[in-house]
PDB file of all heavy atoms in Angstrom:
ATOM      1  N   GLU A   1       3.490 -16.298 -10.905  1.00  0.00           N
ATOM      2  CA  GLU A   1       2.027 -16.241 -10.782  1.00  0.00           C
ATOM      3  C   GLU A   1       1.550 -14.791 -10.686  1.00  0.00           C
ATOM      4  O   GLU A   1       0.579 -14.389 -11.337  1.00  0.00           O
ATOM      5  CB  GLU A   1       1.570 -17.013  -9.541  1.00  0.00           C
ATOM      6  CG  GLU A   1       1.634 -18.514  -9.655  1.00  0.00           C
ATOM      7  CD  GLU A   1       0.448 -19.093 -10.418  1.00  0.00           C
ATOM      8  OE1 GLU A   1      -0.533 -18.357 -10.652  1.00  0.00           O
ATOM      9  OE2 GLU A   1       0.498 -20.278 -10.775  1.00  0.00           O
ATOM     10  N   VAL A   2       2.228 -14.005  -9.855  1.00  0.00           N
ATOM     11  CA  VAL A   2       1.848 -12.601  -9.693  1.00  0.00           C
ATOM     12  C   VAL A   2       2.005 -11.848 -11.009  1.00  0.00           C
ATOM     13  O   VAL A   2       1.126 -11.080 -11.406  1.00  0.00           O
ATOM     14  CB  VAL A   2       2.692 -11.940  -8.579  1.00  0.00           C
ATOM     15  CG1 VAL A   2       2.389 -10.447  -8.490  1.00  0.00           C
ATOM     16  CG2 VAL A   2       2.432 -12.615  -7.241  1.00  0.00           C
ATOM     17  N   GLN A   3       3.115 -12.070 -11.687  1.00  0.00           N
ATOM     18  CA  GLN A   3       3.390 -11.377 -12.940  1.00  0.00           C
ATOM     19  C   GLN A   3       2.320 -11.683 -13.989  1.00  0.00           C
ATOM     20  O   GLN A   3       1.876 -10.786 -14.724  1.00  0.00           O
ATOM     21  CB  GLN A   3       4.772 -11.779 -13.462  1.00  0.00           C
ATOM     22  CG  GLN A   3       5.170 -11.170 -14.790  1.00  0.00           C
ATOM     23  CD  GLN A   3       5.405  -9.676 -14.695  1.00  0.00           C
ATOM     24  OE1 GLN A   3       5.843  -9.181 -13.662  1.00  0.00           O
ATOM     25  NE2 GLN A   3       5.128  -8.947 -15.775  1.00  0.00           N
ATOM     26  N   CYS A   4       1.898 -12.925 -14.061  1.00  0.00           N
ATOM     27  CA  CYS A   4       0.892 -13.312 -15.056  1.00  0.00           C
ATOM     28  C   CYS A   4      -0.465 -12.674 -14.757  1.00  0.00           C
ATOM     29  O   CYS A   4      -1.211 -12.313 -15.681  1.00  0.00           O
ATOM     30  CB  CYS A   4       0.752 -14.833 -15.080  1.00  0.00           C
ATOM     31  SG  CYS A   4       2.189 -15.691 -15.766  1.00  0.00           S
ATOM     32  N   ARG A   5      -0.792 -12.511 -13.485  1.00  0.00           N
ATOM     33  CA  ARG A   5      -2.115 -12.020 -13.113  1.00  0.00           C
ATOM     34  C   ARG A   5      -2.162 -10.507 -12.907  1.00  0.00           C
ATOM     35  O   ARG A   5      -3.219  -9.896 -13.016  1.00  0.00           O
ATOM     36  CB  ARG A   5      -2.580 -12.717 -11.826  1.00  0.00           C
ATOM     37  CG  ARG A   5      -2.728 -14.207 -11.983  1.00  0.00           C
ATOM     38  CD  ARG A   5      -2.998 -14.896 -10.656  1.00  0.00           C
ATOM     39  NE  ARG A   5      -2.974 -16.344 -10.803  1.00  0.00           N
ATOM     40  CZ  ARG A   5      -4.000 -17.065 -11.231  1.00  0.00           C
ATOM     41  NH1 ARG A   5      -5.139 -16.475 -11.529  1.00  0.00           N
ATOM     42  NH2 ARG A   5      -3.894 -18.377 -11.352  1.00  0.00           N
ATOM     43  N   PHE A   6      -0.983  -9.913 -12.630  1.00  0.00           N
ATOM     44  CA  PHE A   6      -0.953  -8.478 -12.332  1.00  0.00           C
ATOM     45  C   PHE A   6       0.404  -7.929 -12.797  1.00  0.00           C
ATOM     46  O   PHE A   6       1.307  -7.693 -11.980  1.00  0.00           O
ATOM     47  CB  PHE A   6      -1.138  -8.260 -10.820  1.00  0.00           C
ATOM     48  CG  PHE A   6      -1.675  -6.905 -10.456  1.00  0.00           C
ATOM     49  CD1 PHE A   6      -3.027  -6.694 -10.275  1.00  0.00           C
ATOM     50  CD2 PHE A   6      -0.812  -5.834 -10.289  1.00  0.00           C
ATOM     51  CE1 PHE A   6      -3.516  -5.448  -9.934  1.00  0.00           C
ATOM     52  CE2 PHE A   6      -1.286  -4.585  -9.941  1.00  0.00           C
ATOM     53  CZ  PHE A   6      -2.643  -4.384  -9.767  1.00  0.00           C
ATOM     54  N   PRO A   7       0.557  -7.679 -14.088  1.00  0.00           N
ATOM     55  CA  PRO A   7       1.873  -7.327 -14.646  1.00  0.00           C
ATOM     56  C   PRO A   7       2.515  -6.074 -14.052  1.00  0.00           C
ATOM     57  O   PRO A   7       3.749  -5.979 -14.015  1.00  0.00           O
ATOM     58  CB  PRO A   7       1.577  -7.140 -16.140  1.00  0.00           C
ATOM     59  CG  PRO A   7       0.351  -7.957 -16.390  1.00  0.00           C
ATOM     60  CD  PRO A   7      -0.463  -7.848 -15.146  1.00  0.00           C
ATOM     61  N   ASP A   8       1.728  -5.098 -13.598  1.00  0.00           N
ATOM     62  CA  ASP A   8       2.318  -3.865 -13.070  1.00  0.00           C
ATOM     63  C   ASP A   8       2.462  -3.885 -11.554  1.00  0.00           C
ATOM     64  O   ASP A   8       2.407  -2.848 -10.888  1.00  0.00           O
ATOM     65  CB  ASP A   8       1.512  -2.649 -13.517  1.00  0.00           C
ATOM     66  CG  ASP A   8       0.050  -2.724 -13.091  1.00  0.00           C
ATOM     67  OD1 ASP A   8      -0.391  -3.820 -12.720  1.00  0.00           O
ATOM     68  OD2 ASP A   8      -0.639  -1.686 -13.150  1.00  0.00           O
ATOM     69  N   TRP A   9       2.688  -5.051 -10.974  1.00  0.00           N
ATOM     70  CA  TRP A   9       2.774  -5.185  -9.523  1.00  0.00           C
ATOM     71  C   TRP A   9       3.929  -4.395  -8.929  1.00  0.00           C
ATOM     72  O   TRP A   9       3.849  -3.910  -7.799  1.00  0.00           O
ATOM     73  CB  TRP A   9       2.883  -6.659  -9.121  1.00  0.00           C
ATOM     74  CG  TRP A   9       4.095  -7.381  -9.642  1.00  0.00           C
ATOM     75  CD1 TRP A   9       4.209  -8.052 -10.822  1.00  0.00           C
ATOM     76  CD2 TRP A   9       5.362  -7.508  -8.985  1.00  0.00           C
ATOM     77  NE1 TRP A   9       5.461  -8.598 -10.959  1.00  0.00           N
ATOM     78  CE2 TRP A   9       6.190  -8.278  -9.841  1.00  0.00           C
ATOM     79  CE3 TRP A   9       5.879  -7.060  -7.777  1.00  0.00           C
ATOM     80  CZ2 TRP A   9       7.507  -8.603  -9.517  1.00  0.00           C
ATOM     81  CZ3 TRP A   9       7.197  -7.385  -7.442  1.00  0.00           C
ATOM     82  CH2 TRP A   9       7.987  -8.136  -8.309  1.00  0.00           C
ATOM     83  N   ARG A  10       5.007  -4.221  -9.671  1.00  0.00           N
ATOM     84  CA  ARG A  10       6.163  -3.492  -9.127  1.00  0.00           C
ATOM     85  C   ARG A  10       5.818  -2.045  -8.819  1.00  0.00           C
ATOM     86  O   ARG A  10       6.280  -1.493  -7.817  1.00  0.00           O
ATOM     87  CB  ARG A  10       7.335  -3.564 -10.103  1.00  0.00           C
ATOM     88  CG  ARG A  10       7.967  -4.953 -10.222  1.00  0.00           C
ATOM     89  CD  ARG A  10       9.139  -4.952 -11.185  1.00  0.00           C
ATOM     90  NE  ARG A  10       9.772  -6.260 -11.263  1.00  0.00           N
ATOM     91  CZ  ARG A  10       9.347  -7.247 -12.036  1.00  0.00           C
ATOM     92  NH1 ARG A  10       8.255  -7.061 -12.804  1.00  0.00           N
ATOM     93  NH2 ARG A  10       9.974  -8.407 -12.062  1.00  0.00           N
ATOM     94  N   ALA A  11       5.020  -1.420  -9.656  1.00  0.00           N
ATOM     95  CA  ALA A  11       4.631  -0.032  -9.422  1.00  0.00           C
ATOM     96  C   ALA A  11       3.807   0.087  -8.145  1.00  0.00           C
ATOM     97  O   ALA A  11       3.962   1.052  -7.384  1.00  0.00           O
ATOM     98  CB  ALA A  11       3.850   0.507 -10.615  1.00  0.00           C
ATOM     99  N   GLU A  12       2.943  -0.887  -7.892  1.00  0.00           N
ATOM    100  CA  GLU A  12       2.113  -0.828  -6.691  1.00  0.00           C
ATOM    101  C   GLU A  12       2.914  -1.155  -5.442  1.00  0.00           C
ATOM    102  O   GLU A  12       2.668  -0.575  -4.371  1.00  0.00           O
ATOM    103  CB  GLU A  12       0.918  -1.776  -6.829  1.00  0.00           C
ATOM    104  CG  GLU A  12       0.075  -1.538  -8.073  1.00  0.00           C
ATOM    105  CD  GLU A  12      -0.277  -0.065  -8.269  1.00  0.00           C
ATOM    106  OE1 GLU A  12      -0.502   0.647  -7.267  1.00  0.00           O
ATOM    107  OE2 GLU A  12      -0.318   0.378  -9.426  1.00  0.00           O
ATOM    108  N   ARG A  13       3.878  -2.031  -5.568  1.00  0.00           N
ATOM    109  CA  ARG A  13       4.756  -2.299  -4.424  1.00  0.00           C
ATOM    110  C   ARG A  13       5.568  -1.054  -4.079  1.00  0.00           C
ATOM    111  O   ARG A  13       5.761  -0.734  -2.899  1.00  0.00           O
ATOM    112  CB  ARG A  13       5.685  -3.479  -4.719  1.00  0.00           C
ATOM    113  CG  ARG A  13       6.491  -3.923  -3.511  1.00  0.00           C
ATOM    114  CD  ARG A  13       7.255  -5.193  -3.767  1.00  0.00           C
ATOM    115  NE  ARG A  13       8.294  -5.033  -4.774  1.00  0.00           N
ATOM    116  CZ  ARG A  13       9.191  -5.970  -5.079  1.00  0.00           C
ATOM    117  NH1 ARG A  13       9.134  -7.141  -4.464  1.00  0.00           N
ATOM    118  NH2 ARG A  13      10.094  -5.766  -6.002  1.00  0.00           N
ATOM    119  N   ALA A  14       6.022  -0.331  -5.100  1.00  0.00           N
ATOM    120  CA  ALA A  14       6.741   0.915  -4.855  1.00  0.00           C
ATOM    121  C   ALA A  14       5.830   1.956  -4.205  1.00  0.00           C
ATOM    122  O   ALA A  14       6.271   2.749  -3.361  1.00  0.00           O
ATOM    123  CB  ALA A  14       7.310   1.454  -6.171  1.00  0.00           C
ATOM    124  N   TYR A  15       4.559   1.967  -4.589  1.00  0.00           N
ATOM    125  CA  TYR A  15       3.594   2.885  -3.986  1.00  0.00           C
ATOM    126  C   TYR A  15       3.490   2.641  -2.482  1.00  0.00           C
ATOM    127  O   TYR A  15       3.491   3.588  -1.682  1.00  0.00           O
ATOM    128  CB  TYR A  15       2.240   2.695  -4.666  1.00  0.00           C
ATOM    129  CG  TYR A  15       1.082   3.368  -3.971  1.00  0.00           C
ATOM    130  CD1 TYR A  15       0.811   4.717  -4.169  1.00  0.00           C
ATOM    131  CD2 TYR A  15       0.247   2.649  -3.113  1.00  0.00           C
ATOM    132  CE1 TYR A  15      -0.271   5.331  -3.527  1.00  0.00           C
ATOM    133  CE2 TYR A  15      -0.828   3.255  -2.477  1.00  0.00           C
ATOM    134  CZ  TYR A  15      -1.082   4.598  -2.693  1.00  0.00           C
ATOM    135  OH  TYR A  15      -2.137   5.195  -2.055  1.00  0.00           O
ATOM    136  N   PHE A  16       3.417   1.389  -2.073  1.00  0.00           N
ATOM    137  CA  PHE A  16       3.332   1.075  -0.650  1.00  0.00           C
ATOM    138  C   PHE A  16       4.630   1.439   0.068  1.00  0.00           C
ATOM    139  O   PHE A  16       4.610   1.842   1.231  1.00  0.00           O
ATOM    140  CB  PHE A  16       3.007  -0.404  -0.445  1.00  0.00           C
ATOM    141  CG  PHE A  16       1.568  -0.730  -0.671  1.00  0.00           C
ATOM    142  CD1 PHE A  16       1.185  -1.634  -1.662  1.00  0.00           C
ATOM    143  CD2 PHE A  16       0.577  -0.144   0.095  1.00  0.00           C
ATOM    144  CE1 PHE A  16      -0.142  -1.939  -1.872  1.00  0.00           C
ATOM    145  CE2 PHE A  16      -0.762  -0.438  -0.106  1.00  0.00           C
ATOM    146  CZ  PHE A  16      -1.120  -1.337  -1.095  1.00  0.00           C
ATOM    147  N   HIS A  17       5.757   1.289  -0.625  1.00  0.00           N
ATOM    148  CA  HIS A  17       7.028   1.661  -0.017  1.00  0.00           C
ATOM    149  C   HIS A  17       7.040   3.147   0.316  1.00  0.00           C
ATOM    150  O   HIS A  17       7.550   3.558   1.366  1.00  0.00           O
ATOM    151  CB  HIS A  17       8.172   1.330  -0.975  1.00  0.00           C
ATOM    152  CG  HIS A  17       9.531   1.698  -0.444  1.00  0.00           C
ATOM    153  ND1 HIS A  17      10.178   0.971   0.532  1.00  0.00           N
ATOM    154  CD2 HIS A  17      10.350   2.736  -0.744  1.00  0.00           C
ATOM    155  CE1 HIS A  17      11.330   1.535   0.811  1.00  0.00           C
ATOM    156  NE2 HIS A  17      11.468   2.606   0.057  1.00  0.00           N
ATOM    157  N   ASP A  18       6.458   3.952  -0.556  1.00  0.00           N
ATOM    158  CA  ASP A  18       6.446   5.405  -0.355  1.00  0.00           C
ATOM    159  C   ASP A  18       5.311   5.878   0.535  1.00  0.00           C
ATOM    160  O   ASP A  18       5.477   6.791   1.344  1.00  0.00           O
ATOM    161  CB  ASP A  18       6.346   6.118  -1.711  1.00  0.00           C
ATOM    162  CG  ASP A  18       7.597   5.947  -2.559  1.00  0.00           C
ATOM    163  OD1 ASP A  18       8.674   5.728  -1.981  1.00  0.00           O
ATOM    164  OD2 ASP A  18       7.487   6.014  -3.794  1.00  0.00           O
ATOM    165  N   GLN A  19       4.131   5.280   0.395  1.00  0.00           N
ATOM    166  CA  GLN A  19       2.931   5.794   1.049  1.00  0.00           C
ATOM    167  C   GLN A  19       2.376   4.905   2.172  1.00  0.00           C
ATOM    168  O   GLN A  19       1.498   5.333   2.924  1.00  0.00           O
ATOM    169  CB  GLN A  19       1.815   5.965   0.000  1.00  0.00           C
ATOM    170  CG  GLN A  19       2.194   6.782  -1.214  1.00  0.00           C
ATOM    171  CD  GLN A  19       2.399   8.249  -0.874  1.00  0.00           C
ATOM    172  OE1 GLN A  19       1.778   8.765   0.050  1.00  0.00           O
ATOM    173  NE2 GLN A  19       3.257   8.913  -1.619  1.00  0.00           N
ATOM    174  N   GLY A  20       2.884   3.689   2.269  1.00  0.00           N
ATOM    175  CA  GLY A  20       2.250   2.707   3.136  1.00  0.00           C
ATOM    176  C   GLY A  20       2.171   3.089   4.601  1.00  0.00           C
ATOM    177  O   GLY A  20       1.118   2.979   5.235  1.00  0.00           O
ATOM    178  N   ARG A  21       3.275   3.544   5.166  1.00  0.00           N
ATOM    179  CA  ARG A  21       3.255   3.865   6.593  1.00  0.00           C
ATOM    180  C   ARG A  21       2.298   5.004   6.879  1.00  0.00           C
ATOM    181  O   ARG A  21       1.619   5.026   7.900  1.00  0.00           O
ATOM    182  CB  ARG A  21       4.660   4.216   7.079  1.00  0.00           C
ATOM    183  CG  ARG A  21       5.620   3.029   7.102  1.00  0.00           C
ATOM    184  CD  ARG A  21       6.857   3.344   7.917  1.00  0.00           C
ATOM    185  NE  ARG A  21       7.815   2.253   7.850  1.00  0.00           N
ATOM    186  CZ  ARG A  21       8.865   2.244   7.050  1.00  0.00           C
ATOM    187  NH1 ARG A  21       9.100   3.267   6.253  1.00  0.00           N
ATOM    188  NH2 ARG A  21       9.694   1.211   7.035  1.00  0.00           N
ATOM    189  N   GLY A  22       2.237   5.970   5.965  1.00  0.00           N
ATOM    190  CA  GLY A  22       1.307   7.075   6.151  1.00  0.00           C
ATOM    191  C   GLY A  22      -0.134   6.622   6.126  1.00  0.00           C
ATOM    192  O   GLY A  22      -0.961   7.107   6.906  1.00  0.00           O
ATOM    193  N   LEU A  23      -0.466   5.670   5.251  1.00  0.00           N
ATOM    194  CA  LEU A  23      -1.828   5.149   5.182  1.00  0.00           C
ATOM    195  C   LEU A  23      -2.216   4.453   6.483  1.00  0.00           C
ATOM    196  O   LEU A  23      -3.310   4.652   7.005  1.00  0.00           O
ATOM    197  CB  LEU A  23      -1.954   4.172   4.009  1.00  0.00           C
ATOM    198  CG  LEU A  23      -1.830   4.755   2.607  1.00  0.00           C
ATOM    199  CD1 LEU A  23      -1.760   3.630   1.573  1.00  0.00           C
ATOM    200  CD2 LEU A  23      -2.985   5.694   2.303  1.00  0.00           C
ATOM    201  N   LYS A  24      -1.306   3.629   6.996  1.00  0.00           N
ATOM    202  CA  LYS A  24      -1.600   2.915   8.237  1.00  0.00           C
ATOM    203  C   LYS A  24      -1.760   3.885   9.404  1.00  0.00           C
ATOM    204  O   LYS A  24      -2.668   3.733  10.239  1.00  0.00           O
ATOM    205  CB  LYS A  24      -0.482   1.912   8.532  1.00  0.00           C
ATOM    206  CG  LYS A  24      -0.473   0.698   7.604  1.00  0.00           C
ATOM    207  CD  LYS A  24       0.711  -0.199   7.908  1.00  0.00           C
ATOM    208  CE  LYS A  24       0.706  -1.472   7.070  1.00  0.00           C
ATOM    209  NZ  LYS A  24      -0.353  -2.405   7.466  1.00  0.00           N
ATOM    210  N   ALA A  25      -0.895   4.875   9.471  1.00  0.00           N
ATOM    211  CA  ALA A  25      -0.988   5.849  10.557  1.00  0.00           C
ATOM    212  C   ALA A  25      -2.263   6.676  10.440  1.00  0.00           C
ATOM    213  O   ALA A  25      -2.894   7.019  11.445  1.00  0.00           O
ATOM    214  CB  ALA A  25       0.242   6.757  10.540  1.00  0.00           C
ATOM    215  N   GLN A  26      -2.647   7.002   9.211  1.00  0.00           N
ATOM    216  CA  GLN A  26      -3.866   7.782   8.999  1.00  0.00           C
ATOM    217  C   GLN A  26      -5.093   7.010   9.472  1.00  0.00           C
ATOM    218  O   GLN A  26      -5.983   7.565  10.133  1.00  0.00           O
ATOM    219  CB  GLN A  26      -3.997   8.141   7.522  1.00  0.00           C
ATOM    220  CG  GLN A  26      -5.098   9.140   7.214  1.00  0.00           C
ATOM    221  CD  GLN A  26      -5.100   9.547   5.753  1.00  0.00           C
ATOM    222  OE1 GLN A  26      -4.667   8.804   4.874  1.00  0.00           O
ATOM    223  NE2 GLN A  26      -5.592  10.734   5.479  1.00  0.00           N
ATOM    224  N   LEU A  27      -5.150   5.720   9.167  1.00  0.00           N
ATOM    225  CA  LEU A  27      -6.292   4.916   9.614  1.00  0.00           C
ATOM    226  C   LEU A  27      -6.351   4.855  11.133  1.00  0.00           C
ATOM    227  O   LEU A  27      -7.418   5.015  11.730  1.00  0.00           O
ATOM    228  CB  LEU A  27      -6.199   3.499   9.031  1.00  0.00           C
ATOM    229  CG  LEU A  27      -7.345   2.579   9.476  1.00  0.00           C
ATOM    230  CD1 LEU A  27      -8.658   2.986   8.830  1.00  0.00           C
ATOM    231  CD2 LEU A  27      -7.024   1.125   9.159  1.00  0.00           C
ATOM    232  N   ARG A  28      -5.218   4.620  11.772  1.00  0.00           N
ATOM    233  CA  ARG A  28      -5.211   4.548  13.223  1.00  0.00           C
ATOM    234  C   ARG A  28      -5.671   5.852  13.854  1.00  0.00           C
ATOM    235  O   ARG A  28      -6.400   5.853  14.860  1.00  0.00           O
ATOM    236  CB  ARG A  28      -3.809   4.181  13.722  1.00  0.00           C
ATOM    237  CG  ARG A  28      -3.439   2.716  13.487  1.00  0.00           C
ATOM    238  CD  ARG A  28      -2.087   2.379  14.107  1.00  0.00           C
ATOM    239  NE  ARG A  28      -1.762   0.976  13.900  1.00  0.00           N
ATOM    240  CZ  ARG A  28      -2.119  -0.008  14.717  1.00  0.00           C
ATOM    241  NH1 ARG A  28      -2.835   0.267  15.788  1.00  0.00           N
ATOM    242  NH2 ARG A  28      -1.779  -1.247  14.468  1.00  0.00           N
ATOM    243  N   ALA A  29      -5.267   6.968  13.275  1.00  0.00           N
ATOM    244  CA  ALA A  29      -5.699   8.260  13.817  1.00  0.00           C
ATOM    245  C   ALA A  29      -7.212   8.433  13.682  1.00  0.00           C
ATOM    246  O   ALA A  29      -7.887   8.894  14.602  1.00  0.00           O
ATOM    247  CB  ALA A  29      -4.973   9.394  13.085  1.00  0.00           C
ATOM    248  N   LEU A  30      -7.767   8.033  12.537  1.00  0.00           N
ATOM    249  CA  LEU A  30      -9.196   8.187  12.319  1.00  0.00           C
ATOM    250  C   LEU A  30     -10.030   7.288  13.211  1.00  0.00           C
ATOM    251  O   LEU A  30     -11.159   7.627  13.578  1.00  0.00           O
ATOM    252  CB  LEU A  30      -9.527   7.891  10.845  1.00  0.00           C
ATOM    253  CG  LEU A  30      -9.099   8.971   9.846  1.00  0.00           C
ATOM    254  CD1 LEU A  30      -9.207   8.434   8.424  1.00  0.00           C
ATOM    255  CD2 LEU A  30      -9.945  10.221  10.013  1.00  0.00           C
ATOM    256  N   LEU A  31      -9.494   6.130  13.561  1.00  0.00           N
ATOM    257  CA  LEU A  31     -10.262   5.168  14.339  1.00  0.00           C
ATOM    258  C   LEU A  31     -10.104   5.325  15.847  1.00  0.00           C
ATOM    259  O   LEU A  31     -10.640   4.509  16.605  1.00  0.00           O
ATOM    260  CB  LEU A  31      -9.881   3.738  13.939  1.00  0.00           C
ATOM    261  CG  LEU A  31     -10.247   3.305  12.519  1.00  0.00           C
ATOM    262  CD1 LEU A  31      -9.873   1.854  12.292  1.00  0.00           C
ATOM    263  CD2 LEU A  31     -11.715   3.545  12.232  1.00  0.00           C
ATOM    264  N   GLN A  32      -9.366   6.323  16.278  1.00  0.00           N
ATOM    265  CA  GLN A  32      -9.251   6.546  17.719  1.00  0.00           C
ATOM    266  C   GLN A  32     -10.622   6.922  18.277  1.00  0.00           C
ATOM    267  O   GLN A  32     -11.219   7.895  17.850  1.00  0.00           O
ATOM    268  CB  GLN A  32      -8.251   7.666  18.010  1.00  0.00           C
ATOM    269  CG  GLN A  32      -6.805   7.274  17.736  1.00  0.00           C
ATOM    270  CD  GLN A  32      -5.866   8.449  17.953  1.00  0.00           C
ATOM    271  OE1 GLN A  32      -6.302   9.521  18.346  1.00  0.00           O
ATOM    272  NE2 GLN A  32      -4.586   8.243  17.675  1.00  0.00           N
ATOM    273  N   GLY A  33     -11.100   6.119  19.209  1.00  0.00           N
ATOM    274  CA  GLY A  33     -12.409   6.356  19.748  1.00  0.00           C
ATOM    275  C   GLY A  33     -12.368   7.132  21.059  1.00  0.00           C
ATOM    276  O   GLY A  33     -11.364   7.115  21.732  1.00  0.00           O
TER     277      GLY A  33
END
């Protein structure tokens, strides 16, 4: 189902593998009140 609707999903999954933790940490830092 994923392949039919989003053929380049592997590239985006790899992006999260490389950048994901940094994105989550960046959001938490910005939202510190």
